[in-house]
Amino acid sequence: METPIFSVKGLTKVYRTGEVEAFALRGVDLELNAGEMAPGGACSFCAMGARDRRPSRSAR
């Protein structure tokens, strides 16, 4: 089994507007191995909130 080049566990991303909370992601676990992400995959990281303010998650 390969060691993942990216791993995220329990990813949660919440957008808040006043008292309204909208969960974009809730408890997502993901591991990527070398060669599993196509060019342009950085958009996936944006969607996961990896380039946003730190949501509740553990990533390496």
Protein backbone atom coordinates (compact mmCIF):
# COMPACT_ATOMS: atom_id res chain seq x y z
CA MET A 1 0.00 0.00 0.00
CA GLU A 2 1.35 3.43 -0.99
CA THR A 3 1.90 6.28 1.41
CA PRO A 4 -0.50 9.07 0.41
CA ILE A 5 0.98 12.34 -0.84
CA PHE A 6 -2.06 14.16 0.55
CA SER A 7 -4.39 13.11 3.33
CA VAL A 8 -7.32 14.88 4.97
CA LYS A 9 -9.55 13.47 7.71
CA GLY A 10 -12.77 14.87 9.08
CA LEU A 11 -12.82 17.89 6.77
CA THR A 12 -15.71 20.21 7.50
CA LYS A 13 -16.38 23.48 5.70
CA VAL A 14 -19.20 25.75 6.86
CA TYR A 15 -20.28 29.01 5.30
CA ARG A 16 -22.07 31.36 7.70
CA THR A 17 -24.32 34.28 6.93
CA GLY A 18 -25.73 35.79 10.08
CA GLU A 19 -27.40 32.91 11.91
CA VAL A 20 -27.58 30.65 8.83
CA GLU A 21 -25.00 27.85 8.46
CA ALA A 22 -24.55 26.00 5.17
CA PHE A 23 -22.32 22.92 5.24
CA ALA A 24 -20.33 22.58 2.03
CA LEU A 25 -18.43 19.58 3.43
CA ARG A 26 -19.08 17.51 6.53
CA GLY A 27 -16.67 14.88 7.85
CA VAL A 28 -14.86 14.17 4.55
CA ASP A 29 -11.88 11.76 4.60
CA LEU A 30 -9.63 11.67 1.52
CA GLU A 31 -6.24 10.25 0.58
CA LEU A 32 -4.46 10.90 -2.72
CA ASN A 33 -1.56 8.81 -3.97
CA ALA A 34 1.00 9.89 -6.56
CA GLY A 35 -0.56 10.07 -10.05
CA GLU A 36 -4.18 10.09 -8.86
CA MET A 37 -4.85 13.78 -9.50
CA ALA A 38 -5.22 15.10 -13.03
CA PRO A 39 -3.85 18.49 -14.15
CA GLY A 40 -6.08 21.23 -12.83
CA GLY A 41 -6.71 19.29 -9.67
CA ALA A 42 -5.85 22.36 -7.61
CA CYS A 43 -9.52 23.30 -8.03
CA SER A 44 -10.32 20.24 -5.93
CA PHE A 45 -8.17 21.63 -3.15
CA CYS A 46 -10.02 24.94 -3.41
CA ALA A 47 -13.32 23.11 -3.09
CA MET A 48 -12.05 21.30 -0.01
CA GLY A 49 -11.08 24.57 1.59
CA ALA A 50 -7.38 23.80 1.55
CA ARG A 51 -6.63 27.29 0.27
CA ASP A 52 -9.25 29.03 2.39
CA ARG A 53 -9.21 29.98 6.05
CA ARG A 54 -8.58 26.87 8.13
CA PRO A 55 -11.82 24.98 8.58
CA SER A 56 -12.10 22.16 11.09
CA ARG A 57 -9.75 19.47 9.72
CA SER A 58 -6.50 17.61 9.93
CA ALA A 59 -4.47 17.67 6.73
CA ARG A 60 -0.93 16.68 5.83
